[in-house]
C-alpha atoms as a PDB file:
ATOM      1  CA  UNK A   1      87.540 -32.918-117.624  1.00  0.00           C
ATOM      2  CA  UNK A   2      86.717 -31.899-114.041  1.00  0.00           C
ATOM      3  CA  UNK A   3      86.744 -28.321-112.640  1.00  0.00           C
ATOM      4  CA  UNK A   4      89.975 -27.368-110.819  1.00  0.00           C
ATOM      5  CA  UNK A   5      89.084 -24.574-108.196  1.00  0.00           C
ATOM      6  CA  UNK A   6      91.615 -21.777-108.735  1.00  0.00           C
ATOM      7  CA  UNK A   7      91.676 -20.410-105.252  1.00  0.00           C
ATOM      8  CA  UNK A   8      95.070 -18.757-105.592  1.00  0.00           C
ATOM      9  CA  UNK A   9      94.018 -16.983-108.856  1.00  0.00           C
ATOM     10  CA  UNK A  10      90.873 -16.084-107.020  1.00  0.00           C
ATOM     11  CA  UNK A  11      92.621 -14.411-103.972  1.00  0.00           C
ATOM     12  CA  UNK A  12      94.701 -12.463-106.575  1.00  0.00           C
ATOM     13  CA  UNK A  13      91.948 -11.390-108.485  1.00  0.00           C
ATOM     14  CA  UNK A  14      90.291  -9.857-105.410  1.00  0.00           C
ATOM     15  CA  UNK A  15      93.599  -8.218-104.326  1.00  0.00           C
ATOM     16  CA  UNK A  16      93.391  -6.407-107.624  1.00  0.00           C
ATOM     17  CA  UNK A  17      89.881  -5.186-106.985  1.00  0.00           C
ATOM     18  CA  UNK A  18      90.163  -4.430-103.654  1.00  0.00           C
ATOM     19  CA  UNK A  19      93.316  -2.139-104.617  1.00  0.00           C
ATOM     20  CA  UNK A  20      91.094  -0.344-107.127  1.00  0.00           C
ATOM     21  CA  UNK A  21      87.900  -0.171-105.418  1.00  0.00           C
ATOM     22  CA  UNK A  22      88.819   0.114-101.600  1.00  0.00           C
ATOM     23  CA  UNK A  23      92.332   1.289-101.693  1.00  0.00           C
ATOM     24  CA  UNK A  24      91.927   2.695 -98.286  1.00  0.00           C
ATOM     25  CA  UNK A  25      91.115  -0.664 -96.612  1.00  0.00           C
ATOM     26  CA  UNK A  26      94.038  -2.590 -95.137  1.00  0.00           C
ATOM     27  CA  UNK A  27      93.534  -5.935 -96.189  1.00  0.00           C
ATOM     28  CA  UNK A  28      95.450  -8.438 -93.838  1.00  0.00           C
ATOM     29  CA  UNK A  29      94.579 -11.652 -95.330  1.00  0.00           C
ATOM     30  CA  UNK A  30      92.213 -13.329 -97.916  1.00  0.00           C
ATOM     31  CA  UNK A  31      91.021 -16.668 -97.449  1.00  0.00           C
ATOM     32  CA  UNK A  32      89.213 -18.345-100.298  1.00  0.00           C
ATOM     33  CA  UNK A  33      86.994 -21.672-100.601  1.00  0.00           C
ATOM     34  CA  UNK A  34      84.554 -23.339-102.596  1.00  0.00           C
ATOM     35  CA  UNK A  35      81.201 -24.800-101.145  1.00  0.00           C
ATOM     36  CA  UNK A  36      78.033 -25.759-102.347  1.00  0.00           C
ATOM     37  CA  UNK A  37      74.492 -24.201-101.296  1.00  0.00           C
ATOM     38  CA  UNK A  38      71.727 -25.960 -99.677  1.00  0.00           C
ATOM     39  CA  UNK A  39      70.104 -25.829-103.218  1.00  0.00           C
ATOM     40  CA  UNK A  40      73.448 -27.055-104.889  1.00  0.00           C
ATOM     41  CA  UNK A  41      74.660 -24.163-106.304  1.00  0.00           C
ATOM     42  CA  UNK A  42      78.259 -23.485-106.403  1.00  0.00           C
ATOM     43  CA  UNK A  43      79.749 -20.711-104.001  1.00  0.00           C
ATOM     44  CA  UNK A  44      82.844 -19.100-103.543  1.00  0.00           C
ATOM     45  CA  UNK A  45      83.359 -18.119-100.000  1.00  0.00           C
ATOM     46  CA  UNK A  46      85.711 -15.189 -99.605  1.00  0.00           C
ATOM     47  CA  UNK A  47      86.816 -14.019 -95.954  1.00  0.00           C
ATOM     48  CA  UNK A  48      88.368 -10.752 -96.222  1.00  0.00           C
ATOM     49  CA  UNK A  49      90.361  -9.914 -92.944  1.00  0.00           C
ATOM     50  CA  UNK A  50      91.187  -6.320 -92.460  1.00  0.00           C
ATOM     51  CA  UNK A  51      92.912  -4.233 -90.182  1.00  0.00           C
ATOM     52  CA  UNK A  52      90.402  -1.873 -88.313  1.00  0.00           C
ATOM     53  CA  UNK A  53      86.967  -1.811 -87.131  1.00  0.00           C
ATOM     54  CA  UNK A  54      83.569  -2.403 -88.607  1.00  0.00           C
ATOM     55  CA  UNK A  55      82.843   1.254 -88.608  1.00  0.00           C
ATOM     56  CA  UNK A  56      85.700   1.932 -90.578  1.00  0.00           C
ATOM     57  CA  UNK A  57      84.075   0.081 -93.523  1.00  0.00           C
ATOM     58  CA  UNK A  58      82.387   1.849 -96.214  1.00  0.00           C
ATOM     59  CA  UNK A  59      79.193  -0.387 -96.936  1.00  0.00           C
ATOM     60  CA  UNK A  60      78.348   1.181 -99.880  1.00  0.00           C
ATOM     61  CA  UNK A  61      81.452   0.390-101.612  1.00  0.00           C
ATOM     62  CA  UNK A  62      81.300  -3.263-100.389  1.00  0.00           C
ATOM     63  CA  UNK A  63      78.084  -3.788-101.756  1.00  0.00           C
ATOM     64  CA  UNK A  64      79.382  -3.060-105.283  1.00  0.00           C
ATOM     65  CA  UNK A  65      82.211  -5.567-104.939  1.00  0.00           C
ATOM     66  CA  UNK A  66      80.072  -8.486-106.235  1.00  0.00           C
ATOM     67  CA  UNK A  67      79.365  -6.571-109.288  1.00  0.00           C
ATOM     68  CA  UNK A  68      83.169  -5.991-110.013  1.00  0.00           C
ATOM     69  CA  UNK A  69      84.440  -9.284-109.311  1.00  0.00           C
ATOM     70  CA  UNK A  70      81.721 -11.631-110.958  1.00  0.00           C
ATOM     71  CA  UNK A  71      82.810 -11.141-114.560  1.00  0.00           C
ATOM     72  CA  UNK A  72      86.385 -11.322-113.650  1.00  0.00           C
ATOM     73  CA  UNK A  73      85.572 -14.886-112.057  1.00  0.00           C
ATOM     74  CA  UNK A  74      83.563 -15.818-115.212  1.00  0.00           C
ATOM     75  CA  UNK A  75      86.712 -14.760-117.477  1.00  0.00           C
ATOM     76  CA  UNK A  76      88.889 -17.124-115.052  1.00  0.00           C
ATOM     77  CA  UNK A  77      86.288 -19.982-115.758  1.00  0.00           C
ATOM     78  CA  UNK A  78      84.863 -19.881-112.093  1.00  0.00           C
ATOM     79  CA  UNK A  79      81.126 -20.041-112.004  1.00  0.00           C
ATOM     80  CA  UNK A  80      80.545 -20.211-108.323  1.00  0.00           C
ATOM     81  CA  UNK A  81      78.720 -16.960-106.667  1.00  0.00           C
ATOM     82  CA  UNK A  82      80.694 -15.054-104.651  1.00  0.00           C
ATOM     83  CA  UNK A  83      79.888 -14.543-100.783  1.00  0.00           C
ATOM     84  CA  UNK A  84      81.950 -12.195 -98.876  1.00  0.00           C
ATOM     85  CA  UNK A  85      82.578 -11.992 -95.143  1.00  0.00           C
ATOM     86  CA  UNK A  86      84.422  -9.161 -93.796  1.00  0.00           C
ATOM     87  CA  UNK A  87      86.106  -9.863 -90.335  1.00  0.00           C
ATOM     88  CA  UNK A  88      88.345  -7.041 -88.394  1.00  0.00           C
ATOM     89  CA  UNK A  89      91.741  -8.567 -87.597  1.00  0.00           C
ATOM     90  CA  UNK A  90      91.067  -8.271 -83.893  1.00  0.00           C
ATOM     91  CA  UNK A  91      87.722 -10.684 -84.408  1.00  0.00           C
ATOM     92  CA  UNK A  92      89.651 -13.086 -86.755  1.00  0.00           C
ATOM     93  CA  UNK A  93      90.986 -15.551 -84.119  1.00  0.00           C
ATOM     94  CA  UNK A  94      91.110 -18.886 -85.840  1.00  0.00           C
ATOM     95  CA  UNK A  95      91.185 -17.379 -89.343  1.00  0.00           C
ATOM     96  CA  UNK A  96      94.409 -16.133 -89.650  1.00  0.00           C
ATOM     97  CA  UNK A  97      96.923 -18.704 -91.621  1.00  0.00           C
ATOM     98  CA  UNK A  98      94.094 -20.459 -93.299  1.00  0.00           C
ATOM     99  CA  UNK A  99      94.668 -18.955 -96.754  1.00  0.00           C
ATOM    100  CA  UNK A 100      93.317 -21.231 -99.542  1.00  0.00           C
END
């Protein structure tokens, strides 16, 4: 049976992790899509659009997100590696409204 990408479940999972780990970050939108890397590995692209400026983001906390999310993705049956992009709302032209 072919794998069905669970974008809305992944988006909800990411929201939950952010609520716990980065509660002070004001998330506007999360876009999720599956891709294949150059070497054929499965990837999960996660664009996080937030209200604020890049200087407002705690890079130390962001670097730990993959560690928190990866086992939860596996529990969902998603085996792609998550790649995050953090985009300030004022720089997100063309990305708003494209939630997967």
